[in-house]
């Protein structure tokens, strides 16, 4: 029985030790036995979390001389989920953003005012153990979930739908990450694909895709900057800026996409948010008298509502040895 207790105690010490050498030394000193085992004890480190925000605004008028809608309600929601992985010189960042907004008014009825699906995945291998540069590969997919319309009076014109448009980027390059809050990814070799899978929109040649075609592929230079910062107590900022230049078609006309989100936490369950999105795409011609010119697209939303931060989970998964053989020591 005493021998069994000693074996149990040494097994516990083996699992709690920080280094394999100390474990072996302790086992030898306390049990006078040798252990032969598989050396695969690599640690896998995951950090997961996110947040959810729901804002509701409502206004109503009655006998209001200045005029306006008798009723107006706006609902905006934002969902974020991230999963970051680090193991020795490897790094893998995954981020999902979902934005949905809806506005209802007596004069114009119901329509969406925000709709975005954005998935970003980036894998990197550190070039040296103490450096800040990674050899990296990046995948980004961006689209929307529901149909979108532009309105002229009471006439509604379809302008977007699921996968129309959708943007997919596959890229390889260098990633500079001085800390966990800031990174710059630079790629001289990037494939950018624009999808317009709605037949009616593809016939019109929307979003830079040739009329009648549903896919446009481009090759060029790509840079993305990611930044997050706790500005002050209960004030957070998250931002991202993407730049793309097509090598074969007016490379000086750089496409630009930027998102900004400020969160002002009021208490545990409520917060105020301000979001600002900026887009410039030389292929999207919706400005000017004949709508034949590109221009800067902007979208800003301010709201106060329910806020929930998803619990940040950290996982340390240790691979178990395939076999352990105990042999009598001298």
Protein backbone atom coordinates (compact mmCIF):
# COMPACT_ATOMS: atom_id res chain seq x y z
CA UNK A 1 0.00 0.00 0.00
CA UNK A 2 2.84 2.35 0.86
CA UNK A 3 4.40 1.62 -2.53
CA UNK A 4 1.12 2.45 -4.30
CA UNK A 5 0.86 5.73 -2.41
CA UNK A 6 4.40 6.66 -3.44
CA UNK A 7 3.60 5.92 -7.10
CA UNK A 8 0.44 8.03 -6.93
CA UNK A 9 2.31 10.91 -5.35
CA UNK A 10 5.07 10.85 -7.98
CA UNK A 11 2.48 10.83 -10.80
CA UNK A 12 0.90 13.99 -9.33
CA UNK A 13 4.30 15.67 -9.13
CA UNK A 14 4.97 14.74 -12.75
CA UNK A 15 1.84 16.52 -13.97
CA UNK A 16 2.45 19.68 -11.92
CA UNK A 17 6.14 20.20 -12.71
CA UNK A 18 7.19 22.99 -15.05
CA UNK A 19 10.01 21.20 -16.81
CA UNK A 20 10.65 17.62 -17.83
CA UNK A 21 14.13 17.57 -16.31
CA UNK A 22 12.91 18.49 -12.82
CA UNK A 23 10.17 15.87 -13.05
CA UNK A 24 12.63 13.11 -13.95
CA UNK A 25 14.97 14.15 -11.18
CA UNK A 26 12.14 14.09 -8.63
CA UNK A 27 10.88 10.72 -9.79
CA UNK A 28 14.32 9.17 -9.57
CA UNK A 29 14.96 10.57 -6.08
CA UNK A 30 11.62 9.53 -4.61
CA UNK A 31 10.90 6.21 -6.29
CA UNK A 32 14.30 4.99 -7.51
CA UNK A 33 12.70 4.23 -10.88
CA UNK A 34 13.40 5.29 -14.46
CA UNK A 35 10.67 6.59 -16.76
CA UNK A 36 10.74 6.31 -20.55
CA UNK A 37 8.07 8.38 -22.28
CA UNK A 38 7.15 10.11 -25.52
CA UNK A 39 8.63 13.62 -25.67
CA UNK A 40 5.46 15.14 -27.25
CA UNK A 41 4.25 17.41 -24.41
CA UNK A 42 3.65 20.59 -26.44
CA UNK A 43 1.34 23.20 -24.94
CA UNK A 44 -1.57 24.66 -26.92
CA UNK A 45 -2.73 28.07 -25.72
CA UNK A 46 -6.11 29.52 -26.76
CA UNK A 47 -7.72 32.80 -25.75
CA UNK A 48 -11.40 33.23 -26.67
CA UNK A 49 -13.96 35.96 -26.03
CA UNK A 50 -16.06 38.71 -27.58
CA UNK A 51 -18.96 41.05 -26.95
CA UNK A 52 -22.58 41.69 -27.89
CA UNK A 53 -24.30 45.06 -28.10
CA UNK A 54 -27.96 45.92 -28.78
CA UNK A 55 -29.13 49.52 -29.20
CA UNK A 56 -32.75 50.67 -29.50
CA UNK A 57 -33.94 54.22 -30.22
CA UNK A 58 -37.54 55.41 -30.64
CA UNK A 59 -39.23 58.74 -31.29
CA UNK A 60 -42.84 59.83 -31.86
CA UNK A 61 -44.54 63.11 -32.78
CA UNK A 62 -48.05 64.38 -32.31
CA UNK A 63 -49.26 67.74 -33.65
CA UNK A 64 -45.64 68.76 -34.19
CA UNK A 65 -45.59 71.99 -36.20
CA UNK A 66 -42.06 71.49 -37.53
CA UNK A 67 -43.10 68.21 -39.12
CA UNK A 68 -41.47 64.80 -39.16
CA UNK A 69 -42.41 61.16 -38.85
CA UNK A 70 -45.13 60.37 -36.37
CA UNK A 71 -43.18 57.26 -35.37
CA UNK A 72 -39.57 56.20 -35.81
CA UNK A 73 -37.73 53.24 -34.30
CA UNK A 74 -34.18 52.06 -34.87
CA UNK A 75 -32.59 48.80 -33.70
CA UNK A 76 -28.87 48.16 -34.14
CA UNK A 77 -26.86 45.17 -32.95
CA UNK A 78 -23.21 44.19 -33.01
CA UNK A 79 -21.65 40.81 -32.28
CA UNK A 80 -17.94 40.03 -32.07
CA UNK A 81 -16.17 36.75 -31.37
CA UNK A 82 -12.43 36.13 -31.38
CA UNK A 83 -10.19 33.12 -30.89
CA UNK A 84 -6.44 33.69 -30.58
CA UNK A 85 -3.87 30.92 -30.46
CA UNK A 86 -0.20 31.03 -29.50
CA UNK A 87 2.32 28.24 -29.23
CA UNK A 88 6.01 29.01 -29.07
CA UNK A 89 6.71 30.79 -32.41
CA UNK A 90 3.27 30.20 -33.90
CA UNK A 91 0.36 32.65 -33.84
CA UNK A 92 -3.17 32.25 -35.22
CA UNK A 93 -5.73 35.09 -34.91
CA UNK A 94 -9.41 34.59 -35.80
CA UNK A 95 -12.05 37.32 -35.61
CA UNK A 96 -15.75 37.44 -36.57
CA UNK A 97 -17.84 40.65 -36.73
CA UNK A 98 -21.60 40.78 -37.34
CA UNK A 99 -23.58 44.03 -37.63
CA UNK A 100 -27.35 44.18 -38.12
CA UNK A 101 -29.56 47.26 -38.04
CA UNK A 102 -33.21 48.00 -38.84
CA UNK A 103 -35.18 51.25 -38.99
CA UNK A 104 -38.98 51.63 -39.08
CA UNK A 105 -40.71 54.95 -39.86
CA UNK A 106 -44.23 56.00 -40.85
CA UNK A 107 -43.07 57.77 -44.03
CA UNK A 108 -40.66 55.20 -45.46
CA UNK A 109 -41.64 51.92 -43.84
CA UNK A 110 -39.07 49.37 -42.68
CA UNK A 111 -35.58 48.84 -44.05
CA UNK A 112 -32.12 47.83 -42.90
CA UNK A 113 -29.56 50.50 -42.06
CA UNK A 114 -26.65 48.24 -41.17
CA UNK A 115 -25.62 44.77 -42.34
CA UNK A 116 -22.09 43.38 -42.28
CA UNK A 117 -20.46 39.95 -42.07
CA UNK A 118 -16.68 40.08 -41.68
CA UNK A 119 -14.44 37.07 -41.02
CA UNK A 120 -10.67 37.47 -40.65
CA UNK A 121 -8.15 34.67 -40.06
CA UNK A 122 -4.39 35.22 -39.93
CA UNK A 123 -1.68 32.64 -39.22
CA UNK A 124 1.94 33.60 -38.56
CA UNK A 125 5.28 32.00 -37.73
CA UNK A 126 7.72 34.18 -35.81
CA UNK A 127 10.95 34.70 -37.74
CA UNK A 128 13.06 34.60 -34.56
CA UNK A 129 12.30 33.81 -30.94
CA UNK A 130 12.64 37.36 -29.60
CA UNK A 131 11.55 39.35 -32.67
CA UNK A 132 8.25 40.96 -33.64
CA UNK A 133 8.07 39.87 -37.28
CA UNK A 134 6.01 36.94 -38.53
CA UNK A 135 5.82 35.14 -41.86
CA UNK A 136 2.06 35.13 -42.26
CA UNK A 137 -0.88 34.08 -44.36
CA UNK A 138 -4.23 35.87 -44.25
CA UNK A 139 -7.81 35.09 -45.26
CA UNK A 140 -10.63 37.65 -45.16
CA UNK A 141 -14.26 37.33 -46.22
CA UNK A 142 -16.68 40.25 -46.13
CA UNK A 143 -20.32 40.43 -47.24
CA UNK A 144 -23.84 41.05 -45.90
CA UNK A 145 -26.74 38.79 -44.94
CA UNK A 146 -29.91 40.43 -46.29
CA UNK A 147 -31.15 42.34 -49.32
CA UNK A 148 -30.41 46.07 -49.41
CA UNK A 149 -32.30 48.76 -51.32
CA UNK A 150 -31.93 52.37 -52.34
CA UNK A 151 -35.07 54.49 -52.30
CA UNK A 152 -36.34 57.27 -54.54
CA UNK A 153 -39.66 58.35 -53.13
CA UNK A 154 -41.64 55.17 -52.73
CA UNK A 155 -39.64 53.25 -55.35
CA UNK A 156 -37.17 50.70 -54.00
CA UNK A 157 -34.21 49.48 -56.07
CA UNK A 158 -32.23 46.38 -55.11
CA UNK A 159 -28.57 47.26 -54.47
CA UNK A 160 -27.16 44.28 -52.55
CA UNK A 161 -27.94 40.80 -51.26
CA UNK A 162 -26.15 37.80 -49.76
CA UNK A 163 -22.84 37.32 -51.65
CA UNK A 164 -23.65 40.31 -53.85
CA UNK A 165 -21.27 41.81 -53.28
CA UNK A 166 -18.84 39.66 -51.33
CA UNK A 167 -15.09 40.23 -51.08
CA UNK A 168 -12.54 37.49 -50.46
CA UNK A 169 -8.84 38.12 -49.87
CA UNK A 170 -6.12 35.46 -49.75
CA UNK A 171 -2.71 36.88 -48.96
CA UNK A 172 0.85 35.97 -47.93
CA UNK A 173 3.38 38.37 -46.47
CA UNK A 174 4.97 39.82 -43.33
CA UNK A 175 3.18 40.73 -40.10
CA UNK A 176 4.67 43.16 -37.58
CA UNK A 177 3.24 42.65 -34.06
CA UNK A 178 5.03 44.70 -31.40
CA UNK A 179 2.31 43.88 -28.82
CA UNK A 180 -1.13 42.33 -28.49
CA UNK A 181 -2.96 45.56 -29.39
CA UNK A 182 -1.31 46.53 -32.67
CA UNK A 183 -0.30 44.82 -35.91
CA UNK A 184 0.59 45.73 -39.50
CA UNK A 185 0.32 43.06 -42.19
CA UNK A 186 2.06 43.75 -45.51
CA UNK A 187 1.69 41.54 -48.58
CA UNK A 188 3.14 42.08 -52.06
CA UNK A 189 1.22 39.02 -53.30
CA UNK A 190 -2.53 39.14 -52.73
CA UNK A 191 -5.53 37.68 -54.54
CA UNK A 192 -8.73 39.73 -54.20
CA UNK A 193 -11.98 38.24 -55.48
CA UNK A 194 -15.23 40.16 -55.84
CA UNK A 195 -18.44 38.12 -56.05
CA UNK A 196 -21.82 39.31 -57.30
CA UNK A 197 -23.92 36.15 -57.22
CA UNK A 198 -27.26 37.86 -57.74
CA UNK A 199 -28.22 37.59 -61.43
CA UNK A 200 -30.04 40.93 -61.58
CA UNK A 201 -27.09 42.81 -60.05
CA UNK A 202 -24.51 40.98 -62.17
CA UNK A 203 -26.36 42.01 -65.34
CA UNK A 204 -25.97 45.64 -64.31
CA UNK A 205 -22.19 45.28 -63.85
CA UNK A 206 -22.29 46.35 -60.22
CA UNK A 207 -19.27 46.58 -57.87
CA UNK A 208 -16.66 46.50 -60.62
CA UNK A 209 -17.66 43.08 -61.96
CA UNK A 210 -18.17 42.96 -65.72
CA UNK A 211 -21.79 42.94 -66.88
CA UNK A 212 -23.11 39.39 -66.99
CA UNK A 213 -20.23 38.03 -64.93
CA UNK A 214 -20.43 37.05 -61.28
CA UNK A 215 -16.72 36.93 -60.39
CA UNK A 216 -13.83 39.37 -60.73
CA UNK A 217 -10.30 38.44 -59.65
CA UNK A 218 -7.49 40.90 -59.00
CA UNK A 219 -3.85 40.57 -57.96
CA UNK A 220 -2.05 43.30 -56.10
CA UNK A 221 -0.52 44.82 -52.98
CA UNK A 222 -2.40 44.54 -49.68
CA UNK A 223 -1.84 46.18 -46.28
CA UNK A 224 -4.03 45.86 -43.18
CA UNK A 225 -3.60 47.65 -39.85
CA UNK A 226 -5.35 46.46 -36.67
CA UNK A 227 -5.42 48.42 -33.44
CA UNK A 228 -7.26 48.18 -30.11
CA UNK A 229 -6.82 50.42 -27.09
CA UNK A 230 -8.30 51.09 -23.67
CA UNK A 231 -8.42 54.88 -24.00
CA UNK A 232 -9.65 55.53 -20.46
CA UNK A 233 -11.63 53.78 -17.77
CA UNK A 234 -14.62 52.13 -19.46
CA UNK A 235 -13.72 53.58 -22.90
CA UNK A 236 -12.46 51.14 -25.52
CA UNK A 237 -11.50 51.52 -29.17
CA UNK A 238 -11.17 48.92 -31.95
CA UNK A 239 -10.13 49.84 -35.46
CA UNK A 240 -8.99 48.29 -38.70
CA UNK A 241 -7.85 49.76 -42.02
CA UNK A 242 -7.31 47.81 -45.27
CA UNK A 243 -5.54 49.07 -48.39
CA UNK A 244 -5.43 47.29 -51.76
CA UNK A 245 -3.77 48.27 -55.04
CA UNK A 246 -4.39 46.31 -58.27
CA UNK A 247 -1.11 45.78 -60.14
CA UNK A 248 -2.78 45.55 -63.56
CA UNK A 249 -5.50 48.22 -63.42
CA UNK A 250 -4.70 51.75 -62.20
CA UNK A 251 -2.48 50.76 -59.26
CA UNK A 252 -2.39 54.40 -58.10
CA UNK A 253 -6.12 54.20 -57.27
CA UNK A 254 -5.88 52.47 -53.89
CA UNK A 255 -9.02 50.84 -52.51
CA UNK A 256 -9.62 51.70 -48.86
CA UNK A 257 -11.78 50.10 -46.17
CA UNK A 258 -11.85 51.18 -42.52
CA UNK A 259 -13.94 50.34 -39.46
CA UNK A 260 -13.91 52.17 -36.12
CA UNK A 261 -15.80 51.27 -32.95
CA UNK A 262 -15.80 53.26 -29.70
CA UNK A 263 -17.47 51.67 -26.67
CA UNK A 264 -18.35 53.77 -23.63
CA UNK A 265 -19.33 51.40 -20.87
CA UNK A 266 -21.93 52.86 -18.50
CA UNK A 267 -22.30 49.92 -16.14
CA UNK A 268 -22.26 46.15 -16.25
CA UNK A 269 -25.18 45.84 -18.67
CA UNK A 270 -25.37 49.13 -20.59
CA UNK A 271 -23.05 51.08 -22.84
CA UNK A 272 -22.95 53.79 -25.49
CA UNK A 273 -21.32 53.05 -28.84
CA UNK A 274 -20.16 55.02 -31.83
CA UNK A 275 -19.18 53.29 -35.06
CA UNK A 276 -17.74 54.84 -38.21
CA UNK A 277 -17.12 52.92 -41.44
CA UNK A 278 -15.27 54.39 -44.43
CA UNK A 279 -15.01 52.80 -47.90
CA UNK A 280 -13.38 53.98 -51.10
CA UNK A 281 -13.46 51.65 -54.11
CA UNK A 282 -12.53 53.00 -57.51
CA UNK A 283 -14.72 50.36 -59.17
CA UNK A 284 -17.91 51.48 -57.39
CA UNK A 285 -19.37 54.42 -59.35
CA UNK A 286 -22.37 55.85 -57.47
CA UNK A 287 -21.51 59.56 -57.30
CA UNK A 288 -21.87 62.52 -59.64
CA UNK A 289 -24.74 63.69 -61.86
CA UNK A 290 -24.81 60.44 -63.82
CA UNK A 291 -23.49 58.27 -60.99
CA UNK A 292 -20.35 57.50 -62.97
CA UNK A 293 -17.75 58.64 -60.43
CA UNK A 294 -16.22 56.91 -57.39
CA UNK A 295 -16.32 58.57 -53.99
CA UNK A 296 -15.85 58.05 -50.27
CA UNK A 297 -18.67 56.09 -48.65
CA UNK A 298 -19.32 56.75 -44.95
CA UNK A 299 -21.60 55.23 -42.35
CA UNK A 300 -21.84 56.30 -38.70
CA UNK A 301 -24.13 54.99 -35.96
CA UNK A 302 -24.56 56.25 -32.39
CA UNK A 303 -26.51 54.25 -29.83
CA UNK A 304 -27.09 53.46 -26.19
CA UNK A 305 -28.26 50.04 -25.16
CA UNK A 306 -27.59 46.60 -23.76
CA UNK A 307 -23.97 45.52 -23.60
CA UNK A 308 -22.59 42.11 -22.81
CA UNK A 309 -18.95 41.10 -22.82
CA UNK A 310 -18.44 37.41 -23.47
CA UNK A 311 -16.21 35.77 -20.89
CA UNK A 312 -12.61 35.49 -22.00
CA UNK A 313 -11.52 31.88 -21.84
CA UNK A 314 -7.94 30.71 -21.81
CA UNK A 315 -7.17 27.10 -22.58
CA UNK A 316 -3.94 25.24 -21.99
CA UNK A 317 -4.15 21.82 -23.58
CA UNK A 318 -1.24 19.50 -22.99
CA UNK A 319 -0.78 16.47 -25.17
CA UNK A 320 -0.44 13.28 -23.18
CA UNK A 321 2.47 10.90 -23.70
CA UNK A 322 1.62 7.92 -25.86
CA UNK A 323 3.28 5.47 -23.48
CA UNK A 324 5.04 5.33 -20.14
CA UNK A 325 7.23 2.36 -19.21
CA UNK A 326 8.43 1.85 -15.67
CA UNK A 327 11.62 -0.13 -15.21
CA UNK A 328 13.50 -1.02 -12.05
CA UNK A 329 16.38 1.30 -11.25
CA UNK A 330 19.70 0.28 -9.81
